Amino acid sequence: MPALIQSLSVSSRIHVAHAMRLGCAWLVAVTSGSLLTVAAFLGLFVRPTSDDWCGVTKTRDMGVLGITRDFYETQNGRVANAFVTGLVYTDGLLGPKILPTLLVLGMTSGLLTLLRMLDRRLGWGVPRPFALAAVLTVEAVVLLAGTRPYQALLWAPATISHTLPGILGIWSVVLALAAARRGRGSRRAAVVCAVAVGAVVGTLSEPFTAVSGIFAGAAAALLLLPGLRARTWFPLAWCAGWCGGLVAGFTVLYTSPGARWRRAQEPPTDGLLSVKGLRADVHDWLHVWQSVTHTWAYLAAPAVGLLLGFCCADRFGSRGAEAEAGRGASDSTERASSVLAAGWAWRCLLLVLPAVLVLVASFGVVVGLRMGYGPTGWQYARAWTNFLLPMTLLLCGYGALLGRWAARPRVAARSQTSRPAAMALSVLATAVCLSSMATIVPALRDMTGSAVVRAQAWDRQDAAMKHQARDGVTDAAYHPLPVGYLAEPFFTRTYSRDWVAACVSQYYRVQRIHKK
């Protein structure tokens, strides 16, 4: 009888721990999901500003193919970017309104699918609530924690250039992992798809071209090393195909008449490889990382990763126990990368290298911004999303590895005395994650207020502007409605250089506008 009572007591403690951790996971998932839901809902209040005015007007007057040709010949050479822009603005303002929701759904489903596929390969047995919490937290941090959340999610020109490419990259990796488990035909199709998507990315976003090219190139180089050589041709071919597509797409962009015109507008003041130019690049790069490291919301990524790592090592659920029994330890080891058996030197390399690549990629983004926008180019924080996505995923991965490592000895020893300590760490990780996510709330609240108020004011002014145009007014009165640190008409004192005012005039079909 005492043994039975003790057994029931241990079982009760296990179930309590199971319930507490599930509660922590659901709490984090609901919190992150709520922030993303509010942000996506704000898409209904999106109204044209800055580049929107030109995009919606050119799509209306030229069509999708017309705006694509215009971008290639006179703007910047981003033909894929222009084509997507034309699709978004085809039905006026409907596209920009639903685009934030589509982006959130696309990133969420892509990250969830990627995590489940990696989980099956590694044999960790991640419960669904923890996977959902990790994905939603990472996504909320990437889209909302930066200094320009409105531009990262709600402003179509920025999301097409800097948010959509990351989603395309995630789904490309998902397709590659799916093809790796199938036959030769699927693998060949995946390589062709990598070339095609890489070419699209090359004409969609220069920053993500650099970021993804650095990671894919590094992966290809690692696969050539004797200790890390893949068993089949597919991984190396896929990386090479992606890089080849990027090069082909970027070549089309760089040699376009529009890109040549764009470079002429901001000629570099310092040589790219000169000492003065490199010093300026490093200075701007340090400014960027100073801003990133002072953003406490990014701590949510390693915190939720730590929570995920604890749950994987604990194997507390019956589902996880059954899965582990069915697979066996040897099968889990086989599913993990063969690199794990290659020695500590390779393990350390694979742990440190991704962080180095993030730093290198971020420096490449800063150099590109300086080339495209001049000395203040680093302040265009919407482009930071291109390296913040892999950075946040990496922080979450490091947290998961740390949590699994910290909890694994306790599982192996079947020690119940350390369970309270592990539970305390799980609760602490949850608290850090929630408190970090709380730092996003003020910016989201301000963005909500500004978006709703501006939408109401814009609708009233839109009706008045259209009424003036119908009455034959050639010089219409317009009151600037700035939002999200974006340009509105009269952002410059010289009207001839006010390209936003010119696009607004074309949108309402008047000759010019003046400030109300």
Protein backbone atom coordinates (compact mmCIF):
# COMPACT_ATOMS: atom_id res chain seq x y z
CA MET A 1 0.00 0.00 0.00
CA PRO A 2 2.73 2.60 0.78
CA ALA A 3 4.37 1.78 -2.54
CA LEU A 4 1.05 2.27 -4.32
CA ILE A 5 0.51 5.61 -2.58
CA GLN A 6 4.04 6.70 -3.48
CA SER A 7 3.48 5.63 -7.08
CA LEU A 8 0.25 7.60 -7.26
CA SER A 9 1.99 10.59 -5.74
CA VAL A 10 4.75 10.50 -8.36
CA SER A 11 2.17 10.10 -11.13
CA SER A 12 0.21 13.06 -9.78
CA ARG A 13 3.32 15.23 -9.74
CA ILE A 14 4.09 14.24 -13.32
CA HIS A 15 0.58 15.16 -14.43
CA VAL A 16 0.75 18.46 -12.55
CA ALA A 17 4.06 19.27 -14.23
CA HIS A 18 2.57 18.29 -17.56
CA ALA A 19 -0.43 20.57 -17.03
CA MET A 20 1.72 23.48 -15.87
CA ARG A 21 3.98 23.30 -18.88
CA LEU A 22 1.06 23.02 -21.24
CA GLY A 23 -0.43 26.05 -19.54
CA CYS A 24 2.81 27.98 -20.04
CA ALA A 25 2.91 27.02 -23.71
CA TRP A 26 -0.71 28.00 -24.34
CA LEU A 27 -0.24 31.27 -22.47
CA VAL A 28 2.73 32.23 -24.65
CA ALA A 29 0.95 31.09 -27.82
CA VAL A 30 -2.22 33.05 -27.02
CA THR A 31 -0.24 36.17 -26.14
CA SER A 32 1.85 36.12 -29.31
CA GLY A 33 -1.12 35.12 -31.44
CA SER A 34 -3.19 37.98 -30.04
CA LEU A 35 -0.51 40.52 -30.96
CA LEU A 36 -0.31 39.15 -34.49
CA THR A 37 -4.09 39.07 -34.83
CA VAL A 38 -4.40 42.72 -33.85
CA ALA A 39 -1.59 43.70 -36.22
CA ALA A 40 -3.12 41.76 -39.13
CA PHE A 41 -6.56 43.25 -38.39
CA LEU A 42 -5.05 46.71 -38.80
CA GLY A 43 -4.69 45.89 -42.48
CA LEU A 44 -8.33 46.91 -42.85
CA PHE A 45 -7.27 50.45 -41.95
CA VAL A 46 -4.38 50.66 -44.42
CA ARG A 47 -4.60 53.60 -46.81
CA PRO A 48 -2.12 54.77 -49.49
CA THR A 49 0.98 56.67 -48.42
CA SER A 50 4.44 57.26 -49.89
CA ASP A 51 5.17 54.62 -52.60
CA ASP A 52 1.58 53.37 -52.37
CA TRP A 53 0.40 56.42 -54.30
CA CYS A 54 2.67 55.59 -57.24
CA GLY A 55 2.03 51.85 -57.12
CA VAL A 56 -1.75 52.03 -57.12
CA THR A 57 -1.79 54.77 -59.79
CA LYS A 58 0.59 53.00 -62.17
CA THR A 59 -1.27 49.70 -61.76
CA ARG A 60 -4.55 51.44 -62.55
CA ASP A 61 -3.15 53.23 -65.61
CA MET A 62 -0.66 50.66 -66.94
CA GLY A 63 -1.81 47.29 -65.66
CA VAL A 64 0.34 44.59 -64.08
CA LEU A 65 2.63 44.13 -67.07
CA GLY A 66 2.87 47.87 -67.58
CA ILE A 67 4.11 48.58 -64.08
CA THR A 68 6.53 45.66 -64.38
CA ARG A 69 8.02 47.19 -67.51
CA ASP A 70 8.11 50.62 -65.86
CA PHE A 71 10.09 49.28 -62.89
CA TYR A 72 12.57 47.59 -65.22
CA GLU A 73 13.10 50.56 -67.49
CA THR A 74 12.78 53.62 -65.24
CA GLN A 75 12.64 52.74 -61.52
CA ASN A 76 14.94 50.12 -60.03
CA GLY A 77 14.93 46.96 -62.16
CA ARG A 78 12.96 44.87 -59.64
CA VAL A 79 10.71 43.11 -62.14
CA ALA A 80 9.39 40.48 -59.71
CA ASN A 81 8.78 43.19 -57.13
CA ALA A 82 6.85 45.23 -59.70
CA PHE A 83 4.79 42.23 -60.79
CA VAL A 84 3.76 41.44 -57.21
CA THR A 85 3.06 45.14 -56.64
CA GLY A 86 0.77 45.13 -59.65
CA LEU A 87 -1.07 42.07 -58.34
CA VAL A 88 -1.52 43.67 -54.92
CA TYR A 89 -2.94 46.92 -56.35
CA THR A 90 -5.02 45.31 -59.10
CA ASP A 91 -8.25 45.83 -57.19
CA GLY A 92 -7.36 49.20 -55.73
CA LEU A 93 -7.04 49.15 -51.95
CA LEU A 94 -8.31 45.60 -51.41
CA GLY A 95 -4.88 44.04 -51.88
CA PRO A 96 -3.01 46.22 -49.36
CA LYS A 97 -5.78 45.61 -46.82
CA ILE A 98 -5.64 41.80 -46.94
CA LEU A 99 -1.89 41.50 -47.56
CA PRO A 100 -0.91 41.70 -43.84
CA THR A 101 -3.23 38.80 -43.02
CA LEU A 102 -1.87 36.75 -45.91
CA LEU A 103 1.70 37.42 -44.79
CA VAL A 104 0.96 36.38 -41.20
CA LEU A 105 -0.78 33.20 -42.33
CA GLY A 106 1.97 32.40 -44.82
CA MET A 107 4.77 32.83 -42.28
CA THR A 108 2.89 30.96 -39.53
CA SER A 109 2.06 27.95 -41.69
CA GLY A 110 5.55 27.89 -43.18
CA LEU A 111 7.35 28.00 -39.84
CA LEU A 112 4.99 25.40 -38.33
CA THR A 113 5.54 23.05 -41.24
CA LEU A 114 9.28 23.58 -41.11
CA LEU A 115 9.40 22.92 -37.38
CA ARG A 116 7.35 19.73 -37.66
CA MET A 117 9.58 18.43 -40.47
CA LEU A 118 12.75 19.18 -38.52
CA ASP A 119 11.20 17.59 -35.45
CA ARG A 120 10.51 14.36 -37.34
CA ARG A 121 14.09 14.27 -38.57
CA LEU A 122 15.62 14.94 -35.14
CA GLY A 123 13.17 12.80 -33.20
CA TRP A 124 12.58 15.40 -30.49
CA GLY A 125 8.83 14.88 -30.25
CA VAL A 126 7.77 18.54 -29.91
CA PRO A 127 4.16 18.78 -28.64
CA ARG A 128 1.91 20.96 -30.80
CA PRO A 129 1.25 23.68 -28.18
CA PHE A 130 4.98 24.28 -27.76
CA ALA A 131 5.55 24.33 -31.51
CA LEU A 132 2.74 26.87 -31.89
CA ALA A 133 4.12 29.01 -29.06
CA ALA A 134 7.61 29.04 -30.57
CA VAL A 135 6.41 29.87 -34.09
CA LEU A 136 4.01 32.64 -33.06
CA THR A 137 6.56 34.21 -30.72
CA VAL A 138 9.28 34.25 -33.35
CA GLU A 139 6.89 35.70 -35.89
CA ALA A 140 5.58 38.39 -33.54
CA VAL A 141 9.12 39.43 -32.66
CA VAL A 142 10.24 39.59 -36.30
CA LEU A 143 7.24 41.61 -37.48
CA LEU A 144 6.46 43.81 -34.48
CA ALA A 145 9.58 44.24 -32.34
CA GLY A 146 11.52 46.46 -34.72
CA THR A 147 11.62 50.23 -34.83
CA ARG A 148 9.26 50.33 -37.86
CA PRO A 149 6.51 47.74 -37.27
CA TYR A 150 4.06 49.59 -39.54
CA GLN A 151 6.47 49.22 -42.45
CA ALA A 152 7.31 45.60 -41.63
CA LEU A 153 3.70 44.40 -41.84
CA LEU A 154 1.21 47.03 -43.01
CA TRP A 155 3.00 49.01 -45.73
CA ALA A 156 2.78 46.96 -48.93
CA PRO A 157 5.93 48.27 -50.71
CA ALA A 158 8.09 47.30 -47.71
CA THR A 159 6.40 43.95 -47.05
CA ILE A 160 6.75 42.96 -50.70
CA SER A 161 10.46 43.83 -50.64
CA HIS A 162 11.47 42.69 -47.18
CA THR A 163 8.84 40.41 -45.58
CA LEU A 164 7.59 38.35 -48.50
CA PRO A 165 11.10 37.16 -49.53
CA GLY A 166 11.64 35.59 -46.11
CA ILE A 167 8.36 33.68 -46.43
CA LEU A 168 9.39 32.47 -49.89
CA GLY A 169 12.68 31.31 -48.41
CA ILE A 170 10.95 29.40 -45.60
CA TRP A 171 8.61 27.58 -47.99
CA SER A 172 11.51 26.81 -50.34
CA VAL A 173 13.32 25.04 -47.50
CA VAL A 174 10.10 23.19 -46.64
CA LEU A 175 9.78 21.94 -50.22
CA ALA A 176 13.44 20.90 -50.21
CA LEU A 177 13.01 18.87 -47.01
CA ALA A 178 9.87 17.24 -48.39
CA ALA A 179 11.62 16.34 -51.65
CA ALA A 180 14.58 14.85 -49.77
CA ARG A 181 12.29 12.09 -48.46
CA ARG A 182 10.97 11.23 -51.91
CA GLY A 183 12.33 9.93 -55.17
CA ARG A 184 14.83 11.29 -57.65
CA GLY A 185 12.12 13.02 -59.68
CA SER A 186 10.93 15.04 -56.69
CA ARG A 187 14.47 16.05 -55.88
CA ARG A 188 15.13 17.25 -59.40
CA ALA A 189 11.88 19.21 -59.34
CA ALA A 190 12.93 20.78 -56.02
CA VAL A 191 16.26 21.90 -57.50
CA VAL A 192 14.48 23.44 -60.50
CA CYS A 193 12.08 25.15 -58.08
CA ALA A 194 15.04 26.48 -56.08
CA VAL A 195 16.54 28.00 -59.22
CA ALA A 196 13.21 29.59 -60.17
CA VAL A 197 12.42 30.98 -56.72
CA GLY A 198 16.00 32.18 -56.35
CA ALA A 199 15.69 34.09 -59.61
CA VAL A 200 12.44 35.64 -58.37
CA VAL A 201 14.08 36.66 -55.10
CA GLY A 202 17.00 38.12 -57.04
CA THR A 203 14.62 40.57 -58.73
CA LEU A 204 12.42 41.01 -55.67
CA SER A 205 14.77 42.12 -52.89
CA GLU A 206 18.48 42.93 -52.98
CA PRO A 207 18.88 42.61 -49.17
CA PHE A 208 17.34 39.13 -48.99
CA THR A 209 19.35 38.13 -52.03
CA ALA A 210 22.48 38.88 -50.03
CA VAL A 211 21.22 37.25 -46.82
CA SER A 212 19.92 34.03 -48.36
CA GLY A 213 22.92 33.82 -50.69
CA ILE A 214 25.32 34.00 -47.74
CA PHE A 215 23.52 31.20 -45.88
CA ALA A 216 23.05 28.98 -48.94
CA GLY A 217 26.64 29.54 -50.06
CA ALA A 218 27.98 28.69 -46.61
CA ALA A 219 25.84 25.53 -46.51
CA ALA A 220 27.18 24.47 -49.92
CA ALA A 221 30.76 25.07 -48.77
CA LEU A 222 30.20 22.97 -45.64
CA LEU A 223 28.75 20.14 -47.69
CA LEU A 224 32.03 19.96 -49.62
CA LEU A 225 34.07 19.32 -46.48
CA PRO A 226 35.03 15.67 -45.88
CA GLY A 227 33.58 15.57 -42.37
CA LEU A 228 30.24 17.06 -43.40
CA ARG A 229 29.78 15.68 -46.89
CA ALA A 230 26.20 14.71 -47.62
CA ARG A 231 25.28 11.16 -48.56
CA THR A 232 23.44 12.24 -51.72
CA TRP A 233 23.84 14.90 -54.38
CA PHE A 234 20.60 16.66 -53.49
CA PRO A 235 21.59 19.07 -50.64
CA LEU A 236 24.56 20.46 -52.54
CA ALA A 237 22.59 20.69 -55.79
CA TRP A 238 19.75 22.51 -54.05
CA CYS A 239 22.09 25.09 -52.47
CA ALA A 240 23.89 25.56 -55.77
CA GLY A 241 20.58 25.93 -57.59
CA TRP A 242 19.35 28.56 -55.14
CA CYS A 243 22.59 30.55 -55.43
CA GLY A 244 22.51 30.23 -59.21
CA GLY A 245 18.96 31.55 -59.31
CA LEU A 246 19.92 34.46 -57.10
CA VAL A 247 22.83 35.36 -59.35
CA ALA A 248 20.67 35.16 -62.48
CA GLY A 249 17.91 37.29 -60.99
CA PHE A 250 20.25 39.87 -59.54
CA THR A 251 22.08 40.13 -62.86
CA VAL A 252 18.81 41.00 -64.56
CA LEU A 253 18.13 43.60 -61.88
CA TYR A 254 21.61 45.14 -61.78
CA THR A 255 21.96 45.51 -65.55
CA SER A 256 18.48 46.99 -66.03
CA PRO A 257 18.05 50.61 -67.18
CA GLY A 258 16.02 51.32 -64.06
CA ALA A 259 18.82 50.15 -61.77
CA ARG A 260 21.35 52.27 -63.62
CA TRP A 261 19.09 55.29 -63.20
CA ARG A 262 18.64 54.50 -59.50
CA ARG A 263 22.38 54.26 -58.89
CA ALA A 264 22.89 57.60 -60.60
CA GLN A 265 20.59 59.28 -58.06
CA GLU A 266 22.79 58.33 -55.11
CA PRO A 267 26.37 58.06 -56.38
CA PRO A 268 28.66 56.63 -53.69
CA THR A 269 30.70 59.33 -51.99
CA ASP A 270 33.36 56.85 -50.86
CA GLY A 271 34.80 53.86 -52.64
CA LEU A 272 33.20 50.60 -51.58
CA LEU A 273 36.55 49.01 -50.73
CA SER A 274 38.31 52.16 -49.58
CA VAL A 275 39.37 52.52 -45.97
CA LYS A 276 37.05 55.49 -45.51
CA GLY A 277 34.12 53.66 -47.07
CA LEU A 278 34.65 50.52 -44.96
CA ARG A 279 34.97 52.62 -41.82
CA ALA A 280 31.66 54.29 -42.59
CA ASP A 281 30.03 50.91 -43.27
CA VAL A 282 31.26 49.50 -39.97
CA HIS A 283 30.08 52.62 -38.15
CA ASP A 284 26.56 52.27 -39.59
CA TRP A 285 26.59 48.51 -38.92
CA LEU A 286 27.38 49.11 -35.25
CA HIS A 287 24.53 51.63 -35.09
CA VAL A 288 22.15 48.97 -36.41
CA TRP A 289 23.24 46.38 -33.86
CA GLN A 290 23.10 48.94 -31.08
CA SER A 291 19.43 49.43 -31.92
CA VAL A 292 18.79 45.69 -32.16
CA THR A 293 20.55 44.78 -28.92
CA HIS A 294 18.65 47.49 -27.03
CA THR A 295 15.32 45.97 -28.09
CA TRP A 296 14.29 43.73 -25.21
CA ALA A 297 11.56 42.01 -27.20
CA TYR A 298 14.16 39.82 -28.92
CA LEU A 299 14.75 38.03 -25.60
CA ALA A 300 11.40 36.33 -26.16
CA ALA A 301 12.93 34.17 -28.91
CA PRO A 302 15.56 32.36 -26.77
CA ALA A 303 13.11 32.23 -23.86
CA VAL A 304 10.43 30.39 -25.85
CA GLY A 305 13.18 28.20 -27.32
CA LEU A 306 14.27 27.31 -23.79
CA LEU A 307 10.70 26.35 -22.94
CA LEU A 308 10.52 24.20 -26.07
CA GLY A 309 13.83 22.51 -25.24
CA PHE A 310 12.66 21.62 -21.73
CA CYS A 311 9.49 20.02 -23.04
CA CYS A 312 11.39 17.98 -25.64
CA ALA A 313 13.86 16.57 -23.15
CA ASP A 314 11.20 15.86 -20.55
CA ARG A 315 9.06 13.60 -22.77
CA PHE A 316 6.26 13.95 -20.24
CA GLY A 317 3.29 13.31 -22.53
CA SER A 318 2.05 9.83 -23.29
CA ARG A 319 2.19 10.68 -26.97
CA GLY A 320 5.85 11.59 -26.71
CA ALA A 321 6.63 8.44 -24.72
CA GLU A 322 4.89 6.22 -27.24
CA ALA A 323 6.63 7.96 -30.13
CA GLU A 324 9.99 7.52 -28.46
CA ALA A 325 9.32 3.86 -27.78
CA GLY A 326 8.27 3.32 -31.38
CA ARG A 327 11.26 5.01 -32.88
CA GLY A 328 13.93 3.99 -30.45
CA ALA A 329 17.09 5.82 -29.57
CA SER A 330 19.05 4.49 -32.52
CA ASP A 331 16.39 5.64 -35.00
CA SER A 332 16.36 9.12 -33.49
CA THR A 333 20.11 9.28 -33.89
CA GLU A 334 19.84 8.22 -37.52
CA ARG A 335 17.19 10.84 -38.17
CA ALA A 336 19.46 13.53 -36.75
CA SER A 337 22.13 14.84 -39.02
CA SER A 338 25.15 12.61 -39.47
CA VAL A 339 27.17 15.63 -38.38
CA LEU A 340 26.37 14.86 -34.76
CA ALA A 341 28.64 11.83 -35.02
CA ALA A 342 31.45 13.81 -36.61
CA GLY A 343 33.00 15.04 -33.38
CA TRP A 344 32.96 18.08 -31.13
CA ALA A 345 34.94 20.22 -33.56
CA TRP A 346 32.23 20.00 -36.20
CA ARG A 347 29.52 20.51 -33.59
CA CYS A 348 31.15 23.70 -32.35
CA LEU A 349 31.55 24.90 -35.91
CA LEU A 350 27.88 24.31 -36.67
CA LEU A 351 26.85 26.07 -33.46
CA VAL A 352 28.99 29.17 -33.98
CA LEU A 353 28.84 29.52 -37.76
CA PRO A 354 25.14 30.54 -38.02
CA ALA A 355 25.72 33.45 -35.64
CA VAL A 356 28.72 34.55 -37.68
CA LEU A 357 26.65 34.33 -40.85
CA VAL A 358 23.94 36.53 -39.32
CA LEU A 359 26.57 39.17 -38.54
CA VAL A 360 28.02 38.94 -42.04
CA ALA A 361 24.55 39.09 -43.61
CA SER A 362 23.60 42.13 -41.56
CA PHE A 363 26.79 43.87 -42.66
CA GLY A 364 25.93 43.10 -46.28
CA VAL A 365 22.48 44.64 -45.79
CA VAL A 366 24.02 47.79 -44.29
CA VAL A 367 26.49 48.12 -47.17
CA GLY A 368 23.64 47.75 -49.66
CA LEU A 369 21.55 50.38 -47.86
CA ARG A 370 24.45 52.79 -47.89
CA MET A 371 24.95 52.23 -51.60
CA GLY A 372 21.26 52.68 -52.36
CA TYR A 373 20.26 55.49 -49.98
CA GLY A 374 23.46 57.25 -49.07
CA PRO A 375 25.02 57.95 -45.65
CA THR A 376 21.67 57.68 -43.83
CA GLY A 377 20.70 54.43 -45.54
CA TRP A 378 21.20 52.34 -42.41
CA GLN A 379 18.19 54.08 -40.87
CA TYR A 380 15.82 52.34 -43.32
CA ALA A 381 14.93 49.79 -40.67
CA ARG A 382 12.36 48.03 -42.85
CA ALA A 383 15.28 46.37 -44.65
CA TRP A 384 16.59 44.93 -41.38
CA THR A 385 13.80 42.35 -41.49
CA ASN A 386 15.88 40.41 -44.02
CA PHE A 387 18.49 39.45 -41.41
CA LEU A 388 16.29 39.74 -38.32
CA LEU A 389 14.28 36.70 -39.44
CA PRO A 390 17.25 34.29 -39.44
CA MET A 391 18.61 35.98 -36.32
CA THR A 392 15.38 35.41 -34.39
CA LEU A 393 15.10 31.82 -35.61
CA LEU A 394 18.68 31.27 -34.53
CA LEU A 395 18.04 32.69 -31.05
CA CYS A 396 15.05 30.38 -30.68
CA GLY A 397 17.15 27.43 -31.84
CA TYR A 398 19.93 28.23 -29.38
CA GLY A 399 17.36 28.43 -26.59
CA ALA A 400 15.91 25.05 -27.57
CA LEU A 401 19.33 23.40 -27.62
CA LEU A 402 20.18 24.93 -24.25
CA GLY A 403 16.90 23.78 -22.73
CA ARG A 404 17.30 20.26 -24.07
CA TRP A 405 20.88 20.08 -22.83
CA ALA A 406 19.95 21.38 -19.37
CA ALA A 407 17.07 18.95 -18.90
CA ARG A 408 18.54 15.84 -20.50
CA PRO A 409 20.67 14.60 -17.56
CA ARG A 410 17.62 14.69 -15.32
CA VAL A 411 15.66 12.55 -17.77
CA ALA A 412 18.47 10.03 -18.13
CA ALA A 413 18.83 9.69 -14.37
CA ARG A 414 15.03 9.46 -13.87
CA SER A 415 15.52 11.90 -11.02
CA GLN A 416 12.35 13.29 -9.49
CA THR A 417 14.14 15.59 -7.06
CA SER A 418 15.20 17.95 -9.82
CA ARG A 419 11.69 18.20 -11.31
CA PRO A 420 10.78 21.28 -9.20
CA ALA A 421 13.94 23.02 -10.36
CA ALA A 422 13.12 22.25 -14.00
CA MET A 423 9.58 23.48 -13.50
CA ALA A 424 10.90 26.68 -11.95
CA LEU A 425 13.13 27.23 -14.97
CA SER A 426 10.18 26.64 -17.30
CA VAL A 427 8.08 29.18 -15.43
CA LEU A 428 11.01 31.61 -15.46
CA ALA A 429 11.43 31.17 -19.23
CA THR A 430 7.70 31.80 -19.68
CA ALA A 431 7.90 34.94 -17.56
CA VAL A 432 10.87 36.26 -19.54
CA CYS A 433 9.06 35.53 -22.79
CA LEU A 434 5.85 37.27 -21.73
CA SER A 435 7.63 40.28 -20.24
CA SER A 436 9.67 40.65 -23.42
CA MET A 437 6.55 40.43 -25.56
CA ALA A 438 4.95 43.07 -23.35
CA THR A 439 7.46 45.61 -24.63
CA ILE A 440 5.77 45.31 -28.05
CA VAL A 441 2.38 46.38 -26.72
CA PRO A 442 3.00 50.17 -26.51
CA ALA A 443 4.22 50.36 -30.11
CA LEU A 444 1.30 48.22 -31.28
CA ARG A 445 -1.13 50.42 -29.37
CA ASP A 446 0.32 53.55 -30.96
CA MET A 447 0.25 51.92 -34.39
CA THR A 448 -3.38 50.94 -33.87
CA GLY A 449 -4.40 54.46 -32.93
CA SER A 450 -2.52 56.13 -35.75
CA ALA A 451 -3.78 53.67 -38.38
CA VAL A 452 -7.44 53.96 -37.34
CA VAL A 453 -7.41 57.75 -37.00
CA ARG A 454 -5.57 58.18 -40.29
CA ALA A 455 -7.97 55.85 -42.12
CA GLN A 456 -10.93 57.93 -41.01
CA ALA A 457 -9.24 61.21 -41.96
CA TRP A 458 -8.03 59.75 -45.26
CA ASP A 459 -11.52 58.57 -46.25
CA ARG A 460 -12.94 62.05 -45.63
CA GLN A 461 -10.16 63.73 -47.57
CA ASP A 462 -10.40 61.16 -50.37
CA ALA A 463 -14.07 62.01 -50.87
CA ALA A 464 -13.23 65.74 -50.89
CA MET A 465 -10.37 65.28 -53.38
CA LYS A 466 -12.55 63.28 -55.74
CA HIS A 467 -15.26 65.94 -55.46
CA GLN A 468 -12.71 68.62 -56.42
CA ALA A 469 -11.57 66.55 -59.40
CA ARG A 470 -15.17 66.09 -60.61
CA ASP A 471 -15.69 69.85 -60.38
CA GLY A 472 -12.74 70.43 -62.73
CA VAL A 473 -10.29 71.76 -60.14
CA THR A 474 -6.74 71.52 -61.47
CA ASP A 475 -4.92 72.53 -58.26
CA ALA A 476 -6.52 70.56 -55.44
CA ALA A 477 -6.02 71.14 -51.72
CA TYR A 478 -4.42 68.25 -49.80
CA HIS A 479 -3.57 67.90 -46.13
CA PRO A 480 -0.63 65.53 -45.41
CA LEU A 481 -1.53 62.50 -43.27
CA PRO A 482 1.79 60.96 -42.22
CA VAL A 483 1.93 57.47 -40.71
CA GLY A 484 4.68 54.97 -39.96
CA TYR A 485 7.53 57.45 -40.59
CA LEU A 486 6.66 57.42 -44.30
CA ALA A 487 6.73 60.29 -46.79
CA GLU A 488 3.59 62.24 -47.62
CA PRO A 489 3.16 65.12 -50.10
CA PHE A 490 5.15 68.27 -49.25
CA PHE A 491 7.89 66.31 -47.50
CA THR A 492 10.31 68.55 -49.44
CA ARG A 493 10.20 72.31 -49.94
CA THR A 494 10.82 72.04 -53.70
CA TYR A 495 7.61 70.95 -55.39
CA SER A 496 9.41 69.76 -58.52
CA ARG A 497 11.25 67.19 -56.39
CA ASP A 498 8.12 66.12 -54.51
CA TRP A 499 7.51 62.76 -56.19
CA VAL A 500 4.79 61.84 -53.67
CA ALA A 501 2.77 64.94 -54.58
CA ALA A 502 3.17 64.06 -58.26
CA CYS A 503 1.78 60.57 -57.68
CA VAL A 504 -1.12 61.95 -55.61
CA SER A 505 -1.95 64.35 -58.44
CA GLN A 506 -1.98 61.47 -60.92
CA TYR A 507 -4.10 59.37 -58.59
CA TYR A 508 -6.82 62.03 -58.44
CA ARG A 509 -6.24 63.12 -62.06
CA VAL A 510 -5.45 66.75 -61.26
CA GLN A 511 -2.51 68.80 -62.50
CA ARG A 512 -1.04 69.55 -59.07
CA ILE A 513 -1.93 69.77 -55.39
CA HIS A 514 -1.27 72.42 -52.77
CA LYS A 515 -1.08 72.14 -49.02
CA LYS A 516 -4.36 72.74 -47.25
